[in-house]
Amino acid sequence: MAFLKGSFYETVRRFEPDESGETPFRGVRARRLEAPEPILEHSVAMKDRTDSLAHHFYSDSRGWRRIADANPDAIFFEDLIYDPDPKSDDPANPLPDENGRERLGDVILIPRRRESR
C-alpha cells in the first residue's frame, strides 16, 4: 500500500509481518496525534459541516483534521456534528435528514491555528 507524496498518511507505519512472514493486517497503524492545545469551544449549529468549520476558523477547509485531533472522543469526525445512532421515536424532534440528528448545542474544541514559519 503506497500513498501519494504529501499525503496525510504518507509517514504512517505499516503493520510488520509476524514470525511466519504474514502481515496480520493489510493496512497502516493508527497515526500519532500531535495533541493540539484547544483554545476555543464551539457549539454545534444547524448545518455545520466539518469543512466549513475548518474554513471558518483556519481559512482552510482541509484543516478539519486539526479539529478532529482535538476531539478524539469521536471515531469519525462527522460524529461530532451528527449523532451516529439517532433516536427517531421523539415526535417533537424528528430526524432532520438521512445523516441523523444534528448535535445542536453540543460543544466541540477548536485548537489554535498553526503559525506559518
PDB file of N, CA and C in Angstrom:
ATOM      1  N   MET A   1       0.846  -1.168   0.000  1.00  0.00           N
ATOM      2  CA  MET A   1       0.000   0.000   0.000  1.00  0.00           C
ATOM      3  C   MET A   1       0.895   1.235   0.000  1.00  0.00           C
ATOM      4  N   ALA A   2       0.736   2.067  -0.983  1.00  0.00           N
ATOM      5  CA  ALA A   2       1.542   3.279  -1.088  1.00  0.00           C
ATOM      6  C   ALA A   2       0.619   4.490  -1.143  1.00  0.00           C
ATOM      7  N   PHE A   3       1.063   5.536  -0.483  1.00  0.00           N
ATOM      8  CA  PHE A   3       0.308   6.782  -0.501  1.00  0.00           C
ATOM      9  C   PHE A   3       1.054   7.792  -1.356  1.00  0.00           C
ATOM     10  N   LEU A   4       0.336   8.706  -1.927  1.00  0.00           N
ATOM     11  CA  LEU A   4       0.948   9.735  -2.750  1.00  0.00           C
ATOM     12  C   LEU A   4       1.849  10.626  -1.901  1.00  0.00           C
ATOM     13  N   LYS A   5       2.867  11.168  -2.514  1.00  0.00           N
ATOM     14  CA  LYS A   5       3.769  12.085  -1.832  1.00  0.00           C
ATOM     15  C   LYS A   5       2.970  13.288  -1.333  1.00  0.00           C
ATOM     16  N   GLY A   6       3.170  13.625  -0.080  1.00  0.00           N
ATOM     17  CA  GLY A   6       2.443  14.737   0.519  1.00  0.00           C
ATOM     18  C   GLY A   6       1.131  14.333   1.160  1.00  0.00           C
ATOM     19  N   SER A   7       0.767  13.042   1.063  1.00  0.00           N
ATOM     20  CA  SER A   7      -0.464  12.560   1.674  1.00  0.00           C
ATOM     21  C   SER A   7      -0.386  12.686   3.184  1.00  0.00           C
ATOM     22  N   PHE A   8      -1.519  12.873   3.811  1.00  0.00           N
ATOM     23  CA  PHE A   8      -1.606  12.976   5.262  1.00  0.00           C
ATOM     24  C   PHE A   8      -1.121  11.690   5.923  1.00  0.00           C
ATOM     25  N   TYR A   9      -1.196  10.564   5.211  1.00  0.00           N
ATOM     26  CA  TYR A   9      -0.829   9.260   5.765  1.00  0.00           C
ATOM     27  C   TYR A   9       0.506   8.745   5.227  1.00  0.00           C
ATOM     28  N   GLU A  10       1.250   9.570   4.519  1.00  0.00           N
ATOM     29  CA  GLU A  10       2.491   9.147   3.880  1.00  0.00           C
ATOM     30  C   GLU A  10       3.505   8.558   4.866  1.00  0.00           C
ATOM     31  N   THR A  11       3.599   9.091   6.073  1.00  0.00           N
ATOM     32  CA  THR A  11       4.613   8.646   7.028  1.00  0.00           C
ATOM     33  C   THR A  11       4.079   7.678   8.083  1.00  0.00           C
ATOM     34  N   VAL A  12       2.847   7.234   7.957  1.00  0.00           N
ATOM     35  CA  VAL A  12       2.271   6.313   8.934  1.00  0.00           C
ATOM     36  C   VAL A  12       2.877   4.926   8.747  1.00  0.00           C
ATOM     37  N   ARG A  13       3.250   4.286   9.862  1.00  0.00           N
ATOM     38  CA  ARG A  13       3.887   2.972   9.799  1.00  0.00           C
ATOM     39  C   ARG A  13       2.902   1.898   9.350  1.00  0.00           C
ATOM     40  N   ARG A  14       3.400   0.942   8.599  1.00  0.00           N
ATOM     41  CA  ARG A  14       2.604  -0.212   8.181  1.00  0.00           C
ATOM     42  C   ARG A  14       2.723  -1.294   9.252  1.00  0.00           C
ATOM     43  N   PHE A  15       1.843  -2.273   9.230  1.00  0.00           N
ATOM     44  CA  PHE A  15       1.948  -3.417  10.123  1.00  0.00           C
ATOM     45  C   PHE A  15       3.105  -4.291   9.648  1.00  0.00           C
ATOM     46  N   GLU A  16       3.863  -4.804  10.595  1.00  0.00           N
ATOM     47  CA  GLU A  16       5.019  -5.651  10.286  1.00  0.00           C
ATOM     48  C   GLU A  16       4.578  -7.111  10.167  1.00  0.00           C
ATOM     49  N   PRO A  17       5.252  -7.897   9.325  1.00  0.00           N
ATOM     50  CA  PRO A  17       4.939  -9.334   9.245  1.00  0.00           C
ATOM     51  C   PRO A  17       5.262 -10.040  10.568  1.00  0.00           C
ATOM     52  N   ASP A  18       4.491 -11.074  10.913  1.00  0.00           N
ATOM     53  CA  ASP A  18       4.748 -11.852  12.129  1.00  0.00           C
ATOM     54  C   ASP A  18       5.838 -12.887  11.874  1.00  0.00           C
ATOM     55  N   GLU A  19       6.031 -13.838  12.834  1.00  0.00           N
ATOM     56  CA  GLU A  19       7.085 -14.848  12.723  1.00  0.00           C
ATOM     57  C   GLU A  19       6.969 -15.684  11.447  1.00  0.00           C
ATOM     58  N   SER A  20       5.748 -15.937  11.014  1.00  0.00           N
ATOM     59  CA  SER A  20       5.545 -16.759   9.813  1.00  0.00           C
ATOM     60  C   SER A  20       5.750 -15.971   8.516  1.00  0.00           C
ATOM     61  N   GLY A  21       5.958 -14.660   8.653  1.00  0.00           N
ATOM     62  CA  GLY A  21       6.164 -13.836   7.466  1.00  0.00           C
ATOM     63  C   GLY A  21       4.896 -13.233   6.904  1.00  0.00           C
ATOM     64  N   GLU A  22       3.757 -13.531   7.551  1.00  0.00           N
ATOM     65  CA  GLU A  22       2.490 -12.974   7.085  1.00  0.00           C
ATOM     66  C   GLU A  22       2.174 -11.672   7.807  1.00  0.00           C
ATOM     67  N   THR A  23       1.602 -10.748   7.077  1.00  0.00           N
ATOM     68  CA  THR A  23       1.192  -9.491   7.668  1.00  0.00           C
ATOM     69  C   THR A  23      -0.191  -9.684   8.290  1.00  0.00           C
ATOM     70  N   PRO A  24      -0.349  -9.393   9.597  1.00  0.00           N
ATOM     71  CA  PRO A  24      -1.618  -9.650  10.269  1.00  0.00           C
ATOM     72  C   PRO A  24      -2.766  -8.777   9.770  1.00  0.00           C
ATOM     73  N   PHE A  25      -2.433  -7.625   9.227  1.00  0.00           N
ATOM     74  CA  PHE A  25      -3.469  -6.706   8.776  1.00  0.00           C
ATOM     75  C   PHE A  25      -2.914  -5.908   7.611  1.00  0.00           C
ATOM     76  N   ARG A  26      -3.638  -5.906   6.504  1.00  0.00           N
ATOM     77  CA  ARG A  26      -3.190  -5.151   5.328  1.00  0.00           C
ATOM     78  C   ARG A  26      -3.657  -3.723   5.444  1.00  0.00           C
ATOM     79  N   GLY A  27      -2.864  -2.922   6.062  1.00  0.00           N
ATOM     80  CA  GLY A  27      -3.231  -1.526   6.242  1.00  0.00           C
ATOM     81  C   GLY A  27      -2.130  -0.814   6.992  1.00  0.00           C
ATOM     82  N   VAL A  28      -2.468   0.320   7.548  1.00  0.00           N
ATOM     83  CA  VAL A  28      -1.489   1.101   8.297  1.00  0.00           C
ATOM     84  C   VAL A  28      -1.916   1.181   9.756  1.00  0.00           C
ATOM     85  N   ARG A  29      -0.942   1.435  10.603  1.00  0.00           N
ATOM     86  CA  ARG A  29      -1.230   1.628  12.027  1.00  0.00           C
ATOM     87  C   ARG A  29      -1.912   2.985  12.212  1.00  0.00           C
ATOM     88  N   ALA A  30      -2.506   3.156  13.360  1.00  0.00           N
ATOM     89  CA  ALA A  30      -3.123   4.458  13.658  1.00  0.00           C
ATOM     90  C   ALA A  30      -2.030   5.515  13.678  1.00  0.00           C
ATOM     91  N   ARG A  31      -2.323   6.659  13.123  1.00  0.00           N
ATOM     92  CA  ARG A  31      -1.306   7.702  13.109  1.00  0.00           C
ATOM     93  C   ARG A  31      -1.261   8.400  14.459  1.00  0.00           C
ATOM     94  N   ARG A  32      -0.096   8.888  14.800  1.00  0.00           N
ATOM     95  CA  ARG A  32       0.105   9.574  16.081  1.00  0.00           C
ATOM     96  C   ARG A  32      -0.542  10.957  16.020  1.00  0.00           C
ATOM     97  N   LEU A  33      -1.315  11.278  17.050  1.00  0.00           N
ATOM     98  CA  LEU A  33      -1.923  12.601  17.133  1.00  0.00           C
ATOM     99  C   LEU A  33      -0.953  13.548  17.811  1.00  0.00           C
ATOM    100  N   GLU A  34      -0.951  14.788  17.404  1.00  0.00           N
ATOM    101  CA  GLU A  34       0.011  15.740  17.934  1.00  0.00           C
ATOM    102  C   GLU A  34      -0.449  16.443  19.204  1.00  0.00           C
ATOM    103  N   ALA A  35      -1.616  16.107  19.721  1.00  0.00           N
ATOM    104  CA  ALA A  35      -2.158  16.705  20.953  1.00  0.00           C
ATOM    105  C   ALA A  35      -2.186  18.231  20.885  1.00  0.00           C
ATOM    106  N   PRO A  36      -2.998  18.795  19.993  1.00  0.00           N
ATOM    107  CA  PRO A  36      -3.082  20.250  19.908  1.00  0.00           C
ATOM    108  C   PRO A  36      -3.731  20.825  21.160  1.00  0.00           C
ATOM    109  N   GLU A  37      -3.398  22.048  21.450  1.00  0.00           N
ATOM    110  CA  GLU A  37      -3.953  22.720  22.622  1.00  0.00           C
ATOM    111  C   GLU A  37      -5.271  23.391  22.226  1.00  0.00           C
ATOM    112  N   PRO A  38      -6.416  22.863  22.702  1.00  0.00           N
ATOM    113  CA  PRO A  38      -7.688  23.503  22.366  1.00  0.00           C
ATOM    114  C   PRO A  38      -7.797  24.852  23.064  1.00  0.00           C
ATOM    115  N   ILE A  39      -8.248  25.839  22.361  1.00  0.00           N
ATOM    116  CA  ILE A  39      -8.359  27.153  22.987  1.00  0.00           C
ATOM    117  C   ILE A  39      -9.747  27.758  22.846  1.00  0.00           C
ATOM    118  N   LEU A  40     -10.625  27.111  22.087  1.00  0.00           N
ATOM    119  CA  LEU A  40     -11.936  27.682  21.830  1.00  0.00           C
ATOM    120  C   LEU A  40     -12.976  26.579  21.863  1.00  0.00           C
ATOM    121  N   GLU A  41     -14.129  26.873  22.425  1.00  0.00           N
ATOM    122  CA  GLU A  41     -15.242  25.932  22.383  1.00  0.00           C
ATOM    123  C   GLU A  41     -16.242  26.438  21.355  1.00  0.00           C
ATOM    124  N   HIS A  42     -16.754  25.520  20.544  1.00  0.00           N
ATOM    125  CA  HIS A  42     -17.738  25.873  19.521  1.00  0.00           C
ATOM    126  C   HIS A  42     -18.987  25.042  19.753  1.00  0.00           C
ATOM    127  N   SER A  43     -20.138  25.691  19.827  1.00  0.00           N
ATOM    128  CA  SER A  43     -21.408  24.970  19.948  1.00  0.00           C
ATOM    129  C   SER A  43     -21.900  24.633  18.555  1.00  0.00           C
ATOM    130  N   VAL A  44     -22.195  23.358  18.341  1.00  0.00           N
ATOM    131  CA  VAL A  44     -22.648  22.909  17.029  1.00  0.00           C
ATOM    132  C   VAL A  44     -23.945  23.621  16.666  1.00  0.00           C
ATOM    133  N   ALA A  45     -23.973  24.187  15.478  1.00  0.00           N
ATOM    134  CA  ALA A  45     -25.138  24.913  14.983  1.00  0.00           C
ATOM    135  C   ALA A  45     -25.743  24.164  13.801  1.00  0.00           C
ATOM    136  N   MET A  46     -26.967  24.513  13.465  1.00  0.00           N
ATOM    137  CA  MET A  46     -27.656  23.898  12.339  1.00  0.00           C
ATOM    138  C   MET A  46     -26.820  24.060  11.073  1.00  0.00           C
ATOM    139  N   LYS A  47     -26.689  22.984  10.323  1.00  0.00           N
ATOM    140  CA  LYS A  47     -25.996  22.952   9.029  1.00  0.00           C
ATOM    141  C   LYS A  47     -24.485  23.107   9.133  1.00  0.00           C
ATOM    142  N   ASP A  48     -23.884  22.949  10.330  1.00  0.00           N
ATOM    143  CA  ASP A  48     -22.425  22.930  10.421  1.00  0.00           C
ATOM    144  C   ASP A  48     -21.896  21.750   9.622  1.00  0.00           C
ATOM    145  N   ARG A  49     -20.753  21.960   8.962  1.00  0.00           N
ATOM    146  CA  ARG A  49     -20.064  20.889   8.246  1.00  0.00           C
ATOM    147  C   ARG A  49     -18.606  20.924   8.667  1.00  0.00           C
ATOM    148  N   THR A  50     -17.942  19.796   8.570  1.00  0.00           N
ATOM    149  CA  THR A  50     -16.556  19.733   9.006  1.00  0.00           C
ATOM    150  C   THR A  50     -15.658  20.677   8.200  1.00  0.00           C
ATOM    151  N   ASP A  51     -15.843  20.705   6.894  1.00  0.00           N
ATOM    152  CA  ASP A  51     -15.004  21.581   6.074  1.00  0.00           C
ATOM    153  C   ASP A  51     -15.329  23.049   6.284  1.00  0.00           C
ATOM    154  N   SER A  52     -16.586  23.374   6.521  1.00  0.00           N
ATOM    155  CA  SER A  52     -16.942  24.782   6.727  1.00  0.00           C
ATOM    156  C   SER A  52     -16.437  25.290   8.075  1.00  0.00           C
ATOM    157  N   LEU A  53     -16.414  24.416   9.095  1.00  0.00           N
ATOM    158  CA  LEU A  53     -15.835  24.816  10.381  1.00  0.00           C
ATOM    159  C   LEU A  53     -14.349  25.117  10.226  1.00  0.00           C
ATOM    160  N   ALA A  54     -13.642  24.247   9.525  1.00  0.00           N
ATOM    161  CA  ALA A  54     -12.209  24.458   9.306  1.00  0.00           C
ATOM    162  C   ALA A  54     -11.973  25.735   8.513  1.00  0.00           C
ATOM    163  N   HIS A  55     -12.773  25.971   7.502  1.00  0.00           N
ATOM    164  CA  HIS A  55     -12.617  27.195   6.707  1.00  0.00           C
ATOM    165  C   HIS A  55     -12.879  28.429   7.572  1.00  0.00           C
ATOM    166  N   HIS A  56     -13.884  28.362   8.426  1.00  0.00           N
ATOM    167  CA  HIS A  56     -14.219  29.499   9.294  1.00  0.00           C
ATOM    168  C   HIS A  56     -13.083  29.809  10.271  1.00  0.00           C
ATOM    169  N   PHE A  57     -12.531  28.778  10.906  1.00  0.00           N
ATOM    170  CA  PHE A  57     -11.527  29.010  11.937  1.00  0.00           C
ATOM    171  C   PHE A  57     -10.105  29.110  11.408  1.00  0.00           C
ATOM    172  N   TYR A  58      -9.804  28.487  10.268  1.00  0.00           N
ATOM    173  CA  TYR A  58      -8.430  28.454   9.757  1.00  0.00           C
ATOM    174  C   TYR A  58      -8.263  29.028   8.354  1.00  0.00           C
ATOM    175  N   SER A  59      -9.345  29.414   7.707  1.00  0.00           N
ATOM    176  CA  SER A  59      -9.301  29.860   6.311  1.00  0.00           C
ATOM    177  C   SER A  59      -8.748  28.775   5.397  1.00  0.00           C
ATOM    178  N   ASP A  60      -8.967  27.514   5.790  1.00  0.00           N
ATOM    179  CA  ASP A  60      -8.514  26.368   5.005  1.00  0.00           C
ATOM    180  C   ASP A  60      -9.459  25.209   5.294  1.00  0.00           C
ATOM    181  N   SER A  61     -10.270  24.833   4.321  1.00  0.00           N
ATOM    182  CA  SER A  61     -11.261  23.780   4.549  1.00  0.00           C
ATOM    183  C   SER A  61     -10.619  22.428   4.840  1.00  0.00           C
ATOM    184  N   ARG A  62      -9.334  22.256   4.487  1.00  0.00           N
ATOM    185  CA  ARG A  62      -8.650  20.996   4.779  1.00  0.00           C
ATOM    186  C   ARG A  62      -8.149  20.918   6.219  1.00  0.00           C
ATOM    187  N   GLY A  63      -8.322  21.973   6.991  1.00  0.00           N
ATOM    188  CA  GLY A  63      -7.876  21.999   8.385  1.00  0.00           C
ATOM    189  C   GLY A  63      -8.790  21.254   9.334  1.00  0.00           C
ATOM    190  N   TRP A  64      -9.805  20.578   8.809  1.00  0.00           N
ATOM    191  CA  TRP A  64     -10.733  19.847   9.679  1.00  0.00           C
ATOM    192  C   TRP A  64     -10.013  18.775  10.493  1.00  0.00           C
ATOM    193  N   ARG A  65      -8.879  18.293  10.016  1.00  0.00           N
ATOM    194  CA  ARG A  65      -8.147  17.254  10.757  1.00  0.00           C
ATOM    195  C   ARG A  65      -7.641  17.771  12.094  1.00  0.00           C
ATOM    196  N   ARG A  66      -7.252  19.038  12.166  1.00  0.00           N
ATOM    197  CA  ARG A  66      -6.809  19.613  13.444  1.00  0.00           C
ATOM    198  C   ARG A  66      -7.953  19.610  14.449  1.00  0.00           C
ATOM    199  N   ILE A  67      -9.146  19.931  13.985  1.00  0.00           N
ATOM    200  CA  ILE A  67     -10.311  19.914  14.883  1.00  0.00           C
ATOM    201  C   ILE A  67     -10.613  18.483  15.298  1.00  0.00           C
ATOM    202  N   ALA A  68     -10.508  17.548  14.366  1.00  0.00           N
ATOM    203  CA  ALA A  68     -10.750  16.139  14.685  1.00  0.00           C
ATOM    204  C   ALA A  68      -9.745  15.645  15.726  1.00  0.00           C
ATOM    205  N   ASP A  69      -8.481  16.015  15.593  1.00  0.00           N
ATOM    206  CA  ASP A  69      -7.462  15.589  16.548  1.00  0.00           C
ATOM    207  C   ASP A  69      -7.719  16.150  17.943  1.00  0.00           C
ATOM    208  N   ALA A  70      -8.316  17.332  18.031  1.00  0.00           N
ATOM    209  CA  ALA A  70      -8.603  17.949  19.331  1.00  0.00           C
ATOM    210  C   ALA A  70      -9.837  17.349  19.990  1.00  0.00           C
ATOM    211  N   ASN A  71     -10.594  16.539  19.258  1.00  0.00           N
ATOM    212  CA  ASN A  71     -11.820  15.920  19.762  1.00  0.00           C
ATOM    213  C   ASN A  71     -11.757  14.408  19.548  1.00  0.00           C
ATOM    214  N   PRO A  72     -10.857  13.706  20.259  1.00  0.00           N
ATOM    215  CA  PRO A  72     -10.642  12.286  19.993  1.00  0.00           C
ATOM    216  C   PRO A  72     -11.769  11.376  20.481  1.00  0.00           C
ATOM    217  N   ASP A  73     -12.786  11.917  21.133  1.00  0.00           N
ATOM    218  CA  ASP A  73     -13.891  11.086  21.618  1.00  0.00           C
ATOM    219  C   ASP A  73     -14.688  10.471  20.474  1.00  0.00           C
ATOM    220  N   ALA A  74     -14.672  11.097  19.329  1.00  0.00           N
ATOM    221  CA  ALA A  74     -15.419  10.592  18.175  1.00  0.00           C
ATOM    222  C   ALA A  74     -14.478   9.840  17.245  1.00  0.00           C
ATOM    223  N   ILE A  75     -14.860   8.641  16.862  1.00  0.00           N
ATOM    224  CA  ILE A  75     -14.039   7.869  15.937  1.00  0.00           C
ATOM    225  C   ILE A  75     -14.047   8.532  14.564  1.00  0.00           C
ATOM    226  N   PHE A  76     -15.222   8.955  14.127  1.00  0.00           N
ATOM    227  CA  PHE A  76     -15.360   9.668  12.864  1.00  0.00           C
ATOM    228  C   PHE A  76     -15.700  11.109  13.182  1.00  0.00           C
ATOM    229  N   PHE A  77     -15.007  12.046  12.571  1.00  0.00           N
ATOM    230  CA  PHE A  77     -15.185  13.459  12.890  1.00  0.00           C
ATOM    231  C   PHE A  77     -16.632  13.908  12.704  1.00  0.00           C
ATOM    232  N   GLU A  78     -17.322  13.345  11.706  1.00  0.00           N
ATOM    233  CA  GLU A  78     -18.708  13.738  11.463  1.00  0.00           C
ATOM    234  C   GLU A  78     -19.614  13.414  12.654  1.00  0.00           C
ATOM    235  N   ASP A  79     -19.193  12.442  13.494  1.00  0.00           N
ATOM    236  CA  ASP A  79     -19.988  12.090  14.670  1.00  0.00           C
ATOM    237  C   ASP A  79     -20.040  13.228  15.685  1.00  0.00           C
ATOM    238  N   LEU A  80     -19.128  14.208  15.578  1.00  0.00           N
ATOM    239  CA  LEU A  80     -19.190  15.375  16.456  1.00  0.00           C
ATOM    240  C   LEU A  80     -20.340  16.293  16.062  1.00  0.00           C
ATOM    241  N   ILE A  81     -20.785  16.183  14.822  1.00  0.00           N
ATOM    242  CA  ILE A  81     -21.835  17.059  14.309  1.00  0.00           C
ATOM    243  C   ILE A  81     -23.163  16.326  14.160  1.00  0.00           C
ATOM    244  N   TYR A  82     -23.091  15.051  13.771  1.00  0.00           N
ATOM    245  CA  TYR A  82     -24.302  14.244  13.595  1.00  0.00           C
ATOM    246  C   TYR A  82     -24.264  13.040  14.523  1.00  0.00           C
ATOM    247  N   ASP A  83     -25.379  12.730  15.154  1.00  0.00           N
ATOM    248  CA  ASP A  83     -25.486  11.577  16.039  1.00  0.00           C
ATOM    249  C   ASP A  83     -25.479  10.309  15.190  1.00  0.00           C
ATOM    250  N   PRO A  84     -24.519   9.397  15.413  1.00  0.00           N
ATOM    251  CA  PRO A  84     -24.458   8.189  14.589  1.00  0.00           C
ATOM    252  C   PRO A  84     -25.573   7.197  14.890  1.00  0.00           C
ATOM    253  N   ASP A  85     -26.232   7.348  16.029  1.00  0.00           N
ATOM    254  CA  ASP A  85     -27.302   6.431  16.425  1.00  0.00           C
ATOM    255  C   ASP A  85     -28.531   7.245  16.844  1.00  0.00           C
ATOM    256  N   PRO A  86     -29.167   7.928  15.885  1.00  0.00           N
ATOM    257  CA  PRO A  86     -30.272   8.811  16.240  1.00  0.00           C
ATOM    258  C   PRO A  86     -31.498   8.043  16.735  1.00  0.00           C
ATOM    259  N   LYS A  87     -32.219   8.671  17.622  1.00  0.00           N
ATOM    260  CA  LYS A  87     -33.475   8.109  18.122  1.00  0.00           C
ATOM    261  C   LYS A  87     -34.611   8.882  17.440  1.00  0.00           C
ATOM    262  N   SER A  88     -35.346   8.214  16.568  1.00  0.00           N
ATOM    263  CA  SER A  88     -36.390   8.899  15.808  1.00  0.00           C
ATOM    264  C   SER A  88     -37.759   8.753  16.457  1.00  0.00           C
ATOM    265  N   ASP A  89     -37.816   8.212  17.678  1.00  0.00           N
ATOM    266  CA  ASP A  89     -39.099   7.982  18.318  1.00  0.00           C
ATOM    267  C   ASP A  89     -39.641   9.225  19.029  1.00  0.00           C
ATOM    268  N   ASP A  90     -38.939  10.334  18.949  1.00  0.00           N
ATOM    269  CA  ASP A  90     -39.384  11.564  19.588  1.00  0.00           C
ATOM    270  C   ASP A  90     -40.122  12.427  18.560  1.00  0.00           C
ATOM    271  N   PRO A  91     -41.465  12.502  18.627  1.00  0.00           N
ATOM    272  CA  PRO A  91     -42.203  13.265  17.615  1.00  0.00           C
ATOM    273  C   PRO A  91     -41.913  14.767  17.656  1.00  0.00           C
ATOM    274  N   ALA A  92     -41.442  15.278  18.789  1.00  0.00           N
ATOM    275  CA  ALA A  92     -41.135  16.710  18.882  1.00  0.00           C
ATOM    276  C   ALA A  92     -39.849  17.053  18.142  1.00  0.00           C
ATOM    277  N   ASN A  93     -38.965  16.060  17.966  1.00  0.00           N
ATOM    278  CA  ASN A  93     -37.688  16.280  17.286  1.00  0.00           C
ATOM    279  C   ASN A  93     -37.478  15.233  16.206  1.00  0.00           C
ATOM    280  N   PRO A  94     -38.157  15.352  15.067  1.00  0.00           N
ATOM    281  CA  PRO A  94     -37.964  14.358  14.001  1.00  0.00           C
ATOM    282  C   PRO A  94     -36.560  14.469  13.421  1.00  0.00           C
ATOM    283  N   LEU A  95     -36.121  13.410  12.775  1.00  0.00           N
ATOM    284  CA  LEU A  95     -34.804  13.426  12.160  1.00  0.00           C
ATOM    285  C   LEU A  95     -34.754  14.468  11.045  1.00  0.00           C
ATOM    286  N   PRO A  96     -33.713  15.314  11.010  1.00  0.00           N
ATOM    287  CA  PRO A  96     -33.653  16.374  10.002  1.00  0.00           C
ATOM    288  C   PRO A  96     -33.344  15.869   8.606  1.00  0.00           C
ATOM    289  N   ASP A  97     -32.565  14.808   8.486  1.00  0.00           N
ATOM    290  CA  ASP A  97     -32.225  14.282   7.175  1.00  0.00           C
ATOM    291  C   ASP A  97     -31.647  12.885   7.333  1.00  0.00           C
ATOM    292  N   GLU A  98     -31.152  12.318   6.237  1.00  0.00           N
ATOM    293  CA  GLU A  98     -30.653  10.952   6.280  1.00  0.00           C
ATOM    294  C   GLU A  98     -29.356  10.818   7.062  1.00  0.00           C
ATOM    295  N   ASN A  99     -28.697  11.928   7.407  1.00  0.00           N
ATOM    296  CA  ASN A  99     -27.443  11.864   8.153  1.00  0.00           C
ATOM    297  C   ASN A  99     -27.656  11.607   9.638  1.00  0.00           C
ATOM    298  N   GLY A 100     -28.868  11.689  10.115  1.00  0.00           N
ATOM    299  CA  GLY A 100     -29.115  11.514  11.543  1.00  0.00           C
ATOM    300  C   GLY A 100     -29.368  12.851  12.211  1.00  0.00           C
ATOM    301  N   ARG A 101     -29.651  12.805  13.460  1.00  0.00           N
ATOM    302  CA  ARG A 101     -29.968  14.026  14.199  1.00  0.00           C
ATOM    303  C   ARG A 101     -28.724  14.868  14.418  1.00  0.00           C
ATOM    304  N   GLU A 102     -28.836  16.136  14.137  1.00  0.00           N
ATOM    305  CA  GLU A 102     -27.714  17.031  14.358  1.00  0.00           C
ATOM    306  C   GLU A 102     -27.517  17.219  15.855  1.00  0.00           C
ATOM    307  N   ARG A 103     -26.289  17.375  16.276  1.00  0.00           N
ATOM    308  CA  ARG A 103     -25.950  17.542  17.693  1.00  0.00           C
ATOM    309  C   ARG A 103     -25.969  19.030  18.046  1.00  0.00           C
ATOM    310  N   LEU A 104     -27.087  19.673  17.837  1.00  0.00           N
ATOM    311  CA  LEU A 104     -27.197  21.102  18.087  1.00  0.00           C
ATOM    312  C   LEU A 104     -26.863  21.417  19.535  1.00  0.00           C
ATOM    313  N   GLY A 105     -26.000  22.408  19.730  1.00  0.00           N
ATOM    314  CA  GLY A 105     -25.634  22.849  21.063  1.00  0.00           C
ATOM    315  C   GLY A 105     -24.506  22.054  21.693  1.00  0.00           C
ATOM    316  N   ASP A 106     -24.157  20.875  21.156  1.00  0.00           N
ATOM    317  CA  ASP A 106     -23.018  20.135  21.699  1.00  0.00           C
ATOM    318  C   ASP A 106     -21.754  20.955  21.464  1.00  0.00           C
ATOM    319  N   VAL A 107     -20.821  20.870  22.387  1.00  0.00           N
ATOM    320  CA  VAL A 107     -19.595  21.662  22.312  1.00  0.00           C
ATOM    321  C   VAL A 107     -18.454  20.818  21.763  1.00  0.00           C
ATOM    322  N   ILE A 108     -17.748  21.372  20.778  1.00  0.00           N
ATOM    323  CA  ILE A 108     -16.527  20.747  20.274  1.00  0.00           C
ATOM    324  C   ILE A 108     -15.379  21.725  20.501  1.00  0.00           C
ATOM    325  N   LEU A 109     -14.171  21.190  20.587  1.00  0.00           N
ATOM    326  CA  LEU A 109     -12.989  22.007  20.857  1.00  0.00           C
ATOM    327  C   LEU A 109     -12.297  22.388  19.558  1.00  0.00           C
ATOM    328  N   ILE A 110     -11.858  23.625  19.490  1.00  0.00           N
ATOM    329  CA  ILE A 110     -11.163  24.141  18.317  1.00  0.00           C
ATOM    330  C   ILE A 110      -9.739  24.511  18.743  1.00  0.00           C
ATOM    331  N   PRO A 111      -8.721  23.845  18.179  1.00  0.00           N
ATOM    332  CA  PRO A 111      -7.341  24.161  18.563  1.00  0.00           C
ATOM    333  C   PRO A 111      -6.839  25.439  17.898  1.00  0.00           C
ATOM    334  N   ARG A 112      -5.745  25.924  18.449  1.00  0.00           N
ATOM    335  CA  ARG A 112      -5.109  27.138  17.952  1.00  0.00           C
ATOM    336  C   ARG A 112      -4.660  26.950  16.502  1.00  0.00           C
ATOM    337  N   ARG A 113      -4.744  28.007  15.732  1.00  0.00           N
ATOM    338  CA  ARG A 113      -4.270  27.975  14.340  1.00  0.00           C
ATOM    339  C   ARG A 113      -2.760  27.864  14.359  1.00  0.00           C
ATOM    340  N   ARG A 114      -2.229  27.049  13.479  1.00  0.00           N
ATOM    341  CA  ARG A 114      -0.772  26.922  13.386  1.00  0.00           C
ATOM    342  C   ARG A 114      -0.174  28.204  12.851  1.00  0.00           C
ATOM    343  N   GLU A 115       0.949  28.567  13.423  1.00  0.00           N
ATOM    344  CA  GLU A 115       1.653  29.740  12.938  1.00  0.00           C
ATOM    345  C   GLU A 115       2.477  29.339  11.717  1.00  0.00           C
ATOM    346  N   SER A 116       2.402  30.119  10.665  1.00  0.00           N
ATOM    347  CA  SER A 116       3.215  29.812   9.483  1.00  0.00           C
ATOM    348  C   SER A 116       4.648  30.280   9.736  1.00  0.00           C
ATOM    349  N   ARG A 117       5.584  29.473   9.254  1.00  0.00           N
ATOM    350  CA  ARG A 117       7.005  29.776   9.505  1.00  0.00           C
ATOM    351  C   ARG A 117       7.706  30.126   8.250  1.00  0.00           C
TER     352      ARG A 117
END
